[in-house]
């Protein structure tokens, strides 16, 4: 098929130019190479496609018929290739990405912000979802999930460091209700938890000590389906919350929040961007990958 397409392209150019000399110049090859290609094509098809004289070249009746068939298709392919190459210079289109809420805030948005500033013709549509969606079936360009949640049949690229989770509360709450010394002590506390909207389960808090992981089903007094109101509630003194470090670190440094169970701090796997095909086939996806790489320095 590859050989036939190349030969058909040569035939089309010769038929358009009506000259081996002009066709050779346009294709940047020799007249002898063009002549050999056309002989091979005619031999395979079993019919004469061009009438040659010392002064001109013209398609035969069969050649005219073939030219009318292949010329629109080849020109459409060439136009498509031009459009793909143009994406490199002036990218346009829509990127569709599936990610969970925290991944959007901490990893994806800083990269997307750069992209929309640098490439004004690119649009971005992000769906927040804690479930493991089928990005091929749902027609997403890529997904963003923690490493352990990425399907093995996907190409995955690490785009964040591991994520430390902190258990925090206000000083006023801790002064009133006491400090938990063990994860199991949380059962007696007023906790603020996340209900995963995809399948409805409450989030299980995980803790690590001496390389052993312990999960706790806390008795949640307040439950939300997104992280931002959890942060707001814990800052108001409503209870103890379990949140990623970068969401609470500024409030710990200011003294508004305190970390408890620090010796049990657990880290989740880093985020990975995953996609089902090579990025060279998707120019917009390649732009996203480069932006995420620019923001991620694993050695910092």
C-alpha atoms as a PDB file:
ATOM      1  CA  UNK A   1       0.000   0.000   0.000  1.00  0.00           C
ATOM      2  CA  UNK A   2       2.835   2.410   0.882  1.00  0.00           C
ATOM      3  CA  UNK A   3       4.505   1.734  -2.485  1.00  0.00           C
ATOM      4  CA  UNK A   4       1.248   2.191  -4.371  1.00  0.00           C
ATOM      5  CA  UNK A   5       0.511   5.544  -2.715  1.00  0.00           C
ATOM      6  CA  UNK A   6       3.944   6.881  -3.593  1.00  0.00           C
ATOM      7  CA  UNK A   7       3.632   5.693  -7.185  1.00  0.00           C
ATOM      8  CA  UNK A   8       0.138   7.152  -7.512  1.00  0.00           C
ATOM      9  CA  UNK A   9       1.434  10.486  -6.259  1.00  0.00           C
ATOM     10  CA  UNK A  10       4.173  10.464  -8.895  1.00  0.00           C
ATOM     11  CA  UNK A  11       1.618   9.586 -11.570  1.00  0.00           C
ATOM     12  CA  UNK A  12      -0.657  12.430 -10.450  1.00  0.00           C
ATOM     13  CA  UNK A  13       2.153  15.019 -10.642  1.00  0.00           C
ATOM     14  CA  UNK A  14       3.250  13.868 -14.115  1.00  0.00           C
ATOM     15  CA  UNK A  15      -0.346  13.894 -15.368  1.00  0.00           C
ATOM     16  CA  UNK A  16      -0.830  17.419 -13.960  1.00  0.00           C
ATOM     17  CA  UNK A  17       2.438  18.810 -15.326  1.00  0.00           C
ATOM     18  CA  UNK A  18       2.280  16.954 -18.692  1.00  0.00           C
ATOM     19  CA  UNK A  19       6.062  16.890 -18.525  1.00  0.00           C
ATOM     20  CA  UNK A  20       8.678  14.586 -16.996  1.00  0.00           C
ATOM     21  CA  UNK A  21      11.048  17.545 -16.651  1.00  0.00           C
ATOM     22  CA  UNK A  22       8.619  19.723 -14.707  1.00  0.00           C
ATOM     23  CA  UNK A  23       7.416  16.736 -12.634  1.00  0.00           C
ATOM     24  CA  UNK A  24      11.016  15.854 -11.702  1.00  0.00           C
ATOM     25  CA  UNK A  25      11.652  19.434 -10.591  1.00  0.00           C
ATOM     26  CA  UNK A  26       8.461  19.517  -8.525  1.00  0.00           C
ATOM     27  CA  UNK A  27       9.197  16.159  -6.887  1.00  0.00           C
ATOM     28  CA  UNK A  28      12.920  16.929  -6.526  1.00  0.00           C
ATOM     29  CA  UNK A  29      13.995  13.720  -8.198  1.00  0.00           C
ATOM     30  CA  UNK A  30      15.351  12.578 -11.576  1.00  0.00           C
ATOM     31  CA  UNK A  31      13.406  11.997 -14.781  1.00  0.00           C
ATOM     32  CA  UNK A  32      14.757   8.452 -14.971  1.00  0.00           C
ATOM     33  CA  UNK A  33      13.446   7.685 -11.457  1.00  0.00           C
ATOM     34  CA  UNK A  34      10.000   9.007 -12.408  1.00  0.00           C
ATOM     35  CA  UNK A  35       9.993   6.978 -15.617  1.00  0.00           C
ATOM     36  CA  UNK A  36      10.897   3.787 -13.742  1.00  0.00           C
ATOM     37  CA  UNK A  37       8.205   4.413 -11.121  1.00  0.00           C
ATOM     38  CA  UNK A  38       5.522   4.839 -13.764  1.00  0.00           C
ATOM     39  CA  UNK A  39       6.622   1.704 -15.649  1.00  0.00           C
ATOM     40  CA  UNK A  40       6.369  -0.287 -12.421  1.00  0.00           C
ATOM     41  CA  UNK A  41       2.907   1.141 -11.735  1.00  0.00           C
ATOM     42  CA  UNK A  42       1.651   0.317 -15.216  1.00  0.00           C
ATOM     43  CA  UNK A  43       3.088  -3.202 -14.965  1.00  0.00           C
ATOM     44  CA  UNK A  44       1.304  -3.833 -11.658  1.00  0.00           C
ATOM     45  CA  UNK A  45      -2.014  -2.440 -12.895  1.00  0.00           C
ATOM     46  CA  UNK A  46      -1.671  -4.091 -16.283  1.00  0.00           C
ATOM     47  CA  UNK A  47      -2.770  -1.096 -18.343  1.00  0.00           C
ATOM     48  CA  UNK A  48      -1.100   1.911 -19.962  1.00  0.00           C
ATOM     49  CA  UNK A  49      -1.713   5.143 -18.051  1.00  0.00           C
ATOM     50  CA  UNK A  50       0.360   7.705 -19.994  1.00  0.00           C
ATOM     51  CA  UNK A  51       0.959   8.389 -23.676  1.00  0.00           C
ATOM     52  CA  UNK A  52       4.519   9.562 -24.200  1.00  0.00           C
ATOM     53  CA  UNK A  53       5.929  11.426 -27.182  1.00  0.00           C
ATOM     54  CA  UNK A  54       9.213  13.254 -27.611  1.00  0.00           C
ATOM     55  CA  UNK A  55       7.446  16.519 -26.833  1.00  0.00           C
ATOM     56  CA  UNK A  56       4.679  15.742 -24.328  1.00  0.00           C
ATOM     57  CA  UNK A  57       3.124  13.363 -21.878  1.00  0.00           C
ATOM     58  CA  UNK A  58      -0.659  12.927 -21.580  1.00  0.00           C
ATOM     59  CA  UNK A  59      -2.903  10.553 -19.656  1.00  0.00           C
ATOM     60  CA  UNK A  60      -4.608   7.775 -21.598  1.00  0.00           C
ATOM     61  CA  UNK A  61      -8.335   7.222 -21.131  1.00  0.00           C
ATOM     62  CA  UNK A  62      -7.540   4.838 -18.278  1.00  0.00           C
ATOM     63  CA  UNK A  63      -5.050   7.368 -16.930  1.00  0.00           C
ATOM     64  CA  UNK A  64      -7.663  10.130 -16.917  1.00  0.00           C
ATOM     65  CA  UNK A  65     -10.059   7.850 -15.058  1.00  0.00           C
ATOM     66  CA  UNK A  66      -7.410   6.963 -12.459  1.00  0.00           C
ATOM     67  CA  UNK A  67      -6.371  10.613 -12.106  1.00  0.00           C
ATOM     68  CA  UNK A  68      -9.948  11.650 -11.340  1.00  0.00           C
ATOM     69  CA  UNK A  69     -10.083   8.987  -8.641  1.00  0.00           C
ATOM     70  CA  UNK A  70      -6.776   9.587  -6.866  1.00  0.00           C
ATOM     71  CA  UNK A  71      -6.248  13.339  -7.222  1.00  0.00           C
ATOM     72  CA  UNK A  72      -8.965  14.449  -4.710  1.00  0.00           C
ATOM     73  CA  UNK A  73      -7.850  11.822  -2.201  1.00  0.00           C
ATOM     74  CA  UNK A  74      -4.150  12.681  -2.435  1.00  0.00           C
ATOM     75  CA  UNK A  75      -4.838  16.411  -2.266  1.00  0.00           C
ATOM     76  CA  UNK A  76      -7.027  15.851   0.821  1.00  0.00           C
ATOM     77  CA  UNK A  77      -4.224  13.890   2.479  1.00  0.00           C
ATOM     78  CA  UNK A  78      -1.695  16.619   1.650  1.00  0.00           C
ATOM     79  CA  UNK A  79      -4.051  19.283   3.022  1.00  0.00           C
ATOM     80  CA  UNK A  80      -4.472  17.275   6.225  1.00  0.00           C
ATOM     81  CA  UNK A  81      -0.707  16.998   6.614  1.00  0.00           C
ATOM     82  CA  UNK A  82      -0.371  20.754   6.149  1.00  0.00           C
ATOM     83  CA  UNK A  83      -2.978  21.322   8.856  1.00  0.00           C
ATOM     84  CA  UNK A  84      -1.179  18.994  11.258  1.00  0.00           C
ATOM     85  CA  UNK A  85       2.119  20.758  10.626  1.00  0.00           C
ATOM     86  CA  UNK A  86       0.374  24.102  11.160  1.00  0.00           C
ATOM     87  CA  UNK A  87      -0.619  22.979  14.646  1.00  0.00           C
ATOM     88  CA  UNK A  88       3.043  23.116  15.566  1.00  0.00           C
ATOM     89  CA  UNK A  89       3.211  26.794  14.608  1.00  0.00           C
ATOM     90  CA  UNK A  90      -0.307  27.926  15.525  1.00  0.00           C
ATOM     91  CA  UNK A  91      -1.989  25.263  17.676  1.00  0.00           C
ATOM     92  CA  UNK A  92      -5.767  25.274  17.822  1.00  0.00           C
ATOM     93  CA  UNK A  93      -8.475  22.981  19.089  1.00  0.00           C
ATOM     94  CA  UNK A  94      -9.833  21.641  22.386  1.00  0.00           C
ATOM     95  CA  UNK A  95      -8.041  19.548  24.998  1.00  0.00           C
ATOM     96  CA  UNK A  96     -10.365  17.328  27.066  1.00  0.00           C
ATOM     97  CA  UNK A  97      -8.924  16.055  30.343  1.00  0.00           C
ATOM     98  CA  UNK A  98     -10.323  13.974  33.210  1.00  0.00           C
ATOM     99  CA  UNK A  99      -8.816  14.506  36.679  1.00  0.00           C
ATOM    100  CA  UNK A 100      -9.757  14.496  40.342  1.00  0.00           C
ATOM    101  CA  UNK A 101     -10.339  17.761  42.173  1.00  0.00           C
ATOM    102  CA  UNK A 102      -6.987  18.002  43.950  1.00  0.00           C
ATOM    103  CA  UNK A 103      -5.062  16.996  40.818  1.00  0.00           C
ATOM    104  CA  UNK A 104      -6.769  19.807  38.927  1.00  0.00           C
ATOM    105  CA  UNK A 105      -5.881  22.399  41.570  1.00  0.00           C
ATOM    106  CA  UNK A 106      -2.320  21.361  42.371  1.00  0.00           C
ATOM    107  CA  UNK A 107      -0.945  19.818  39.165  1.00  0.00           C
ATOM    108  CA  UNK A 108      -3.121  20.481  36.131  1.00  0.00           C
ATOM    109  CA  UNK A 109      -4.180  24.109  36.486  1.00  0.00           C
ATOM    110  CA  UNK A 110      -0.646  25.620  36.674  1.00  0.00           C
ATOM    111  CA  UNK A 111       0.135  23.920  33.343  1.00  0.00           C
ATOM    112  CA  UNK A 112      -3.196  24.792  31.723  1.00  0.00           C
ATOM    113  CA  UNK A 113      -2.787  28.430  32.767  1.00  0.00           C
ATOM    114  CA  UNK A 114       0.485  28.580  30.828  1.00  0.00           C
ATOM    115  CA  UNK A 115      -1.040  26.906  27.778  1.00  0.00           C
ATOM    116  CA  UNK A 116      -4.020  29.236  27.411  1.00  0.00           C
ATOM    117  CA  UNK A 117      -1.761  32.283  27.755  1.00  0.00           C
ATOM    118  CA  UNK A 118       0.769  31.034  25.219  1.00  0.00           C
ATOM    119  CA  UNK A 119      -1.716  29.517  22.739  1.00  0.00           C
ATOM    120  CA  UNK A 120      -4.914  31.612  22.605  1.00  0.00           C
ATOM    121  CA  UNK A 121      -6.494  29.318  19.984  1.00  0.00           C
ATOM    122  CA  UNK A 122      -6.456  26.328  22.340  1.00  0.00           C
ATOM    123  CA  UNK A 123      -9.499  25.618  24.525  1.00  0.00           C
ATOM    124  CA  UNK A 124      -9.394  23.317  27.543  1.00  0.00           C
ATOM    125  CA  UNK A 125     -12.273  21.295  28.988  1.00  0.00           C
ATOM    126  CA  UNK A 126     -11.561  19.624  32.350  1.00  0.00           C
ATOM    127  CA  UNK A 127     -13.944  17.162  34.012  1.00  0.00           C
ATOM    128  CA  UNK A 128     -13.540  16.615  37.753  1.00  0.00           C
ATOM    129  CA  UNK A 129     -14.081  12.954  38.569  1.00  0.00           C
ATOM    130  CA  UNK A 130     -12.709  10.673  41.293  1.00  0.00           C
ATOM    131  CA  UNK A 131     -13.629   7.551  39.330  1.00  0.00           C
ATOM    132  CA  UNK A 132     -11.458   5.635  36.907  1.00  0.00           C
ATOM    133  CA  UNK A 133     -13.143   6.760  33.701  1.00  0.00           C
ATOM    134  CA  UNK A 134     -12.395   5.117  30.370  1.00  0.00           C
ATOM    135  CA  UNK A 135     -10.741   8.063  28.657  1.00  0.00           C
ATOM    136  CA  UNK A 136     -10.939   6.377  25.249  1.00  0.00           C
ATOM    137  CA  UNK A 137     -14.648   5.600  25.526  1.00  0.00           C
ATOM    138  CA  UNK A 138     -15.411   9.043  26.984  1.00  0.00           C
ATOM    139  CA  UNK A 139     -13.291  10.749  24.289  1.00  0.00           C
ATOM    140  CA  UNK A 140     -10.819  12.435  26.630  1.00  0.00           C
ATOM    141  CA  UNK A 141      -7.352  13.295  25.347  1.00  0.00           C
ATOM    142  CA  UNK A 142      -5.781  12.358  28.681  1.00  0.00           C
ATOM    143  CA  UNK A 143      -6.451  11.640  32.337  1.00  0.00           C
ATOM    144  CA  UNK A 144      -4.664  12.655  35.537  1.00  0.00           C
ATOM    145  CA  UNK A 145      -4.623  10.233  38.481  1.00  0.00           C
ATOM    146  CA  UNK A 146      -2.335   9.021  41.227  1.00  0.00           C
ATOM    147  CA  UNK A 147       0.104   6.418  39.924  1.00  0.00           C
ATOM    148  CA  UNK A 148      -1.462   3.379  41.547  1.00  0.00           C
ATOM    149  CA  UNK A 149      -4.807   4.152  39.913  1.00  0.00           C
ATOM    150  CA  UNK A 150      -3.567   4.249  36.302  1.00  0.00           C
ATOM    151  CA  UNK A 151      -4.462   1.298  34.072  1.00  0.00           C
ATOM    152  CA  UNK A 152      -1.478  -0.738  32.884  1.00  0.00           C
ATOM    153  CA  UNK A 153      -2.513  -0.474  29.237  1.00  0.00           C
ATOM    154  CA  UNK A 154      -1.969   3.307  29.259  1.00  0.00           C
ATOM    155  CA  UNK A 155       1.150   5.348  28.637  1.00  0.00           C
ATOM    156  CA  UNK A 156       1.806   7.126  31.963  1.00  0.00           C
ATOM    157  CA  UNK A 157       4.053  10.088  32.732  1.00  0.00           C
ATOM    158  CA  UNK A 158       4.848  11.157  36.297  1.00  0.00           C
ATOM    159  CA  UNK A 159       4.021  14.844  36.723  1.00  0.00           C
ATOM    160  CA  UNK A 160       4.173  15.386  40.499  1.00  0.00           C
ATOM    161  CA  UNK A 161       6.016  14.310  43.608  1.00  0.00           C
ATOM    162  CA  UNK A 162       4.419  12.018  46.199  1.00  0.00           C
ATOM    163  CA  UNK A 163       1.627  13.787  48.121  1.00  0.00           C
ATOM    164  CA  UNK A 164       1.966  14.019  51.935  1.00  0.00           C
ATOM    165  CA  UNK A 165      -1.385  14.033  53.735  1.00  0.00           C
ATOM    166  CA  UNK A 166      -1.666  16.052  56.974  1.00  0.00           C
ATOM    167  CA  UNK A 167      -4.161  15.664  59.803  1.00  0.00           C
ATOM    168  CA  UNK A 168      -4.969  19.168  61.056  1.00  0.00           C
ATOM    169  CA  UNK A 169      -7.187  21.159  63.408  1.00  0.00           C
ATOM    170  CA  UNK A 170      -7.269  24.587  65.040  1.00  0.00           C
ATOM    171  CA  UNK A 171      -5.581  25.202  68.411  1.00  0.00           C
ATOM    172  CA  UNK A 172      -8.990  26.067  69.890  1.00  0.00           C
ATOM    173  CA  UNK A 173     -10.480  22.725  68.833  1.00  0.00           C
ATOM    174  CA  UNK A 174      -7.494  20.771  70.184  1.00  0.00           C
ATOM    175  CA  UNK A 175      -7.541  22.694  73.470  1.00  0.00           C
ATOM    176  CA  UNK A 176     -11.197  21.772  73.911  1.00  0.00           C
ATOM    177  CA  UNK A 177     -11.203  18.153  72.728  1.00  0.00           C
ATOM    178  CA  UNK A 178      -7.595  17.049  73.188  1.00  0.00           C
ATOM    179  CA  UNK A 179      -4.826  15.797  70.900  1.00  0.00           C
ATOM    180  CA  UNK A 180      -5.152  12.380  69.242  1.00  0.00           C
ATOM    181  CA  UNK A 181      -1.997  10.339  69.862  1.00  0.00           C
ATOM    182  CA  UNK A 182      -2.884   7.382  67.646  1.00  0.00           C
ATOM    183  CA  UNK A 183      -4.958   7.191  64.435  1.00  0.00           C
ATOM    184  CA  UNK A 184      -7.566   5.106  66.267  1.00  0.00           C
ATOM    185  CA  UNK A 185      -8.121   8.058  68.631  1.00  0.00           C
ATOM    186  CA  UNK A 186      -9.762   9.896  65.729  1.00  0.00           C
ATOM    187  CA  UNK A 187     -12.871   7.754  66.157  1.00  0.00           C
ATOM    188  CA  UNK A 188     -13.678   9.747  69.296  1.00  0.00           C
ATOM    189  CA  UNK A 189     -13.152  13.118  67.560  1.00  0.00           C
ATOM    190  CA  UNK A 190     -15.317  15.336  65.386  1.00  0.00           C
ATOM    191  CA  UNK A 191     -13.876  14.728  61.931  1.00  0.00           C
ATOM    192  CA  UNK A 192     -14.582  16.431  58.628  1.00  0.00           C
ATOM    193  CA  UNK A 193     -14.517  13.985  55.757  1.00  0.00           C
ATOM    194  CA  UNK A 194     -14.895  13.630  51.993  1.00  0.00           C
ATOM    195  CA  UNK A 195     -17.553  11.509  50.321  1.00  0.00           C
ATOM    196  CA  UNK A 196     -16.256  10.358  46.977  1.00  0.00           C
ATOM    197  CA  UNK A 197     -18.952  11.508  44.539  1.00  0.00           C
ATOM    198  CA  UNK A 198     -18.279   8.766  42.004  1.00  0.00           C
ATOM    199  CA  UNK A 199     -19.230   5.761  44.147  1.00  0.00           C
ATOM    200  CA  UNK A 200     -20.511   7.379  47.342  1.00  0.00           C
ATOM    201  CA  UNK A 201     -18.046   5.901  49.838  1.00  0.00           C
ATOM    202  CA  UNK A 202     -16.484   7.962  52.621  1.00  0.00           C
ATOM    203  CA  UNK A 203     -12.781   8.574  52.289  1.00  0.00           C
ATOM    204  CA  UNK A 204     -10.605   6.230  54.355  1.00  0.00           C
ATOM    205  CA  UNK A 205      -7.780   8.081  56.100  1.00  0.00           C
ATOM    206  CA  UNK A 206      -4.438   6.343  55.788  1.00  0.00           C
ATOM    207  CA  UNK A 207      -1.450   6.611  58.140  1.00  0.00           C
ATOM    208  CA  UNK A 208       2.074   5.195  57.968  1.00  0.00           C
ATOM    209  CA  UNK A 209       4.559   4.326  60.696  1.00  0.00           C
ATOM    210  CA  UNK A 210       7.543   1.948  60.469  1.00  0.00           C
ATOM    211  CA  UNK A 211       6.551   1.227  56.845  1.00  0.00           C
ATOM    212  CA  UNK A 212       3.180  -0.103  57.972  1.00  0.00           C
ATOM    213  CA  UNK A 213      -0.004   1.475  56.611  1.00  0.00           C
ATOM    214  CA  UNK A 214      -3.089   1.760  58.780  1.00  0.00           C
ATOM    215  CA  UNK A 215      -6.494   2.830  57.462  1.00  0.00           C
ATOM    216  CA  UNK A 216      -9.121   4.462  59.652  1.00  0.00           C
ATOM    217  CA  UNK A 217     -12.838   4.881  58.979  1.00  0.00           C
ATOM    218  CA  UNK A 218     -13.398   8.080  60.938  1.00  0.00           C
ATOM    219  CA  UNK A 219     -16.772   8.964  62.408  1.00  0.00           C
ATOM    220  CA  UNK A 220     -17.431  12.060  60.316  1.00  0.00           C
ATOM    221  CA  UNK A 221     -19.542  14.776  61.895  1.00  0.00           C
ATOM    222  CA  UNK A 222     -19.415  16.846  58.694  1.00  0.00           C
ATOM    223  CA  UNK A 223     -19.145  15.432  55.148  1.00  0.00           C
ATOM    224  CA  UNK A 224     -18.501  17.234  51.854  1.00  0.00           C
ATOM    225  CA  UNK A 225     -18.011  16.030  48.286  1.00  0.00           C
ATOM    226  CA  UNK A 226     -15.199  18.509  47.512  1.00  0.00           C
ATOM    227  CA  UNK A 227     -12.025  19.527  49.339  1.00  0.00           C
ATOM    228  CA  UNK A 228     -12.381  23.315  49.481  1.00  0.00           C
ATOM    229  CA  UNK A 229     -15.259  23.370  52.007  1.00  0.00           C
ATOM    230  CA  UNK A 230     -13.356  20.841  54.150  1.00  0.00           C
ATOM    231  CA  UNK A 231     -10.523  23.353  54.425  1.00  0.00           C
ATOM    232  CA  UNK A 232     -13.005  26.108  55.252  1.00  0.00           C
ATOM    233  CA  UNK A 233     -14.659  23.977  57.944  1.00  0.00           C
ATOM    234  CA  UNK A 234     -11.424  22.945  59.649  1.00  0.00           C
ATOM    235  CA  UNK A 235     -10.241  26.567  59.702  1.00  0.00           C
ATOM    236  CA  UNK A 236     -13.475  27.504  61.481  1.00  0.00           C
ATOM    237  CA  UNK A 237     -12.701  25.017  64.254  1.00  0.00           C
ATOM    238  CA  UNK A 238     -15.413  22.503  63.343  1.00  0.00           C
ATOM    239  CA  UNK A 239     -13.178  19.461  63.738  1.00  0.00           C
ATOM    240  CA  UNK A 240     -10.158  17.532  62.422  1.00  0.00           C
ATOM    241  CA  UNK A 241      -9.486  17.239  58.691  1.00  0.00           C
ATOM    242  CA  UNK A 242      -7.195  15.137  56.505  1.00  0.00           C
ATOM    243  CA  UNK A 243      -5.860  17.186  53.589  1.00  0.00           C
ATOM    244  CA  UNK A 244      -2.899  17.405  51.173  1.00  0.00           C
ATOM    245  CA  UNK A 245       0.090  19.319  52.533  1.00  0.00           C
ATOM    246  CA  UNK A 246       0.025  22.216  50.085  1.00  0.00           C
ATOM    247  CA  UNK A 247      -3.606  23.024  50.977  1.00  0.00           C
ATOM    248  CA  UNK A 248      -2.847  23.430  54.697  1.00  0.00           C
ATOM    249  CA  UNK A 249       0.845  24.371  54.895  1.00  0.00           C
ATOM    250  CA  UNK A 250       0.253  28.158  54.727  1.00  0.00           C
ATOM    251  CA  UNK A 251      -2.221  27.937  57.651  1.00  0.00           C
ATOM    252  CA  UNK A 252       0.175  25.809  59.687  1.00  0.00           C
ATOM    253  CA  UNK A 253       2.962  28.332  59.107  1.00  0.00           C
ATOM    254  CA  UNK A 254       0.679  31.187  60.169  1.00  0.00           C
ATOM    255  CA  UNK A 255      -0.390  29.305  63.313  1.00  0.00           C
ATOM    256  CA  UNK A 256      -4.040  29.072  62.279  1.00  0.00           C
ATOM    257  CA  UNK A 257      -3.875  25.259  62.056  1.00  0.00           C
ATOM    258  CA  UNK A 258      -1.821  22.604  63.826  1.00  0.00           C
ATOM    259  CA  UNK A 259      -0.764  19.231  62.509  1.00  0.00           C
ATOM    260  CA  UNK A 260      -1.524  16.211  64.700  1.00  0.00           C
ATOM    261  CA  UNK A 261      -0.303  12.629  64.314  1.00  0.00           C
ATOM    262  CA  UNK A 262       2.796  13.977  62.576  1.00  0.00           C
ATOM    263  CA  UNK A 263       4.686  10.723  63.240  1.00  0.00           C
ATOM    264  CA  UNK A 264       1.975   8.905  61.280  1.00  0.00           C
ATOM    265  CA  UNK A 265       2.083  11.122  58.179  1.00  0.00           C
ATOM    266  CA  UNK A 266       1.209   9.186  55.029  1.00  0.00           C
ATOM    267  CA  UNK A 267       2.249   9.951  51.422  1.00  0.00           C
ATOM    268  CA  UNK A 268       0.171   9.027  48.403  1.00  0.00           C
ATOM    269  CA  UNK A 269       1.642   8.085  45.038  1.00  0.00           C
ATOM    270  CA  UNK A 270       2.557  10.953  42.699  1.00  0.00           C
ATOM    271  CA  UNK A 271       0.183  12.030  39.965  1.00  0.00           C
ATOM    272  CA  UNK A 272       0.616  10.687  36.445  1.00  0.00           C
ATOM    273  CA  UNK A 273      -0.763  11.962  33.159  1.00  0.00           C
ATOM    274  CA  UNK A 274      -1.972   8.970  31.172  1.00  0.00           C
ATOM    275  CA  UNK A 275      -3.126   8.574  27.588  1.00  0.00           C
ATOM    276  CA  UNK A 276      -3.719   5.687  25.153  1.00  0.00           C
ATOM    277  CA  UNK A 277      -1.477   6.600  22.236  1.00  0.00           C
ATOM    278  CA  UNK A 278       1.819   8.208  21.387  1.00  0.00           C
ATOM    279  CA  UNK A 279       1.766  11.928  21.996  1.00  0.00           C
ATOM    280  CA  UNK A 280       3.345  12.620  18.578  1.00  0.00           C
ATOM    281  CA  UNK A 281      -0.047  11.718  17.102  1.00  0.00           C
ATOM    282  CA  UNK A 282      -1.783  14.441  19.137  1.00  0.00           C
ATOM    283  CA  UNK A 283      -0.104  17.881  18.943  1.00  0.00           C
ATOM    284  CA  UNK A 284      -2.298  19.472  21.629  1.00  0.00           C
ATOM    285  CA  UNK A 285      -1.541  16.631  24.035  1.00  0.00           C
ATOM    286  CA  UNK A 286       2.158  17.141  23.372  1.00  0.00           C
ATOM    287  CA  UNK A 287       1.787  20.798  24.401  1.00  0.00           C
ATOM    288  CA  UNK A 288       0.125  19.743  27.674  1.00  0.00           C
ATOM    289  CA  UNK A 289       2.878  17.208  28.382  1.00  0.00           C
ATOM    290  CA  UNK A 290       5.583  19.813  27.857  1.00  0.00           C
ATOM    291  CA  UNK A 291       3.805  22.294  30.145  1.00  0.00           C
ATOM    292  CA  UNK A 292       3.485  19.683  32.897  1.00  0.00           C
ATOM    293  CA  UNK A 293       7.156  18.749  32.516  1.00  0.00           C
ATOM    294  CA  UNK A 294       8.171  22.411  32.822  1.00  0.00           C
ATOM    295  CA  UNK A 295       6.307  22.649  36.151  1.00  0.00           C
ATOM    296  CA  UNK A 296       7.647  19.371  37.561  1.00  0.00           C
ATOM    297  CA  UNK A 297      11.209  19.062  38.796  1.00  0.00           C
ATOM    298  CA  UNK A 298      11.584  15.709  40.602  1.00  0.00           C
ATOM    299  CA  UNK A 299      14.981  16.760  42.011  1.00  0.00           C
ATOM    300  CA  UNK A 300      13.782  19.856  43.846  1.00  0.00           C
END
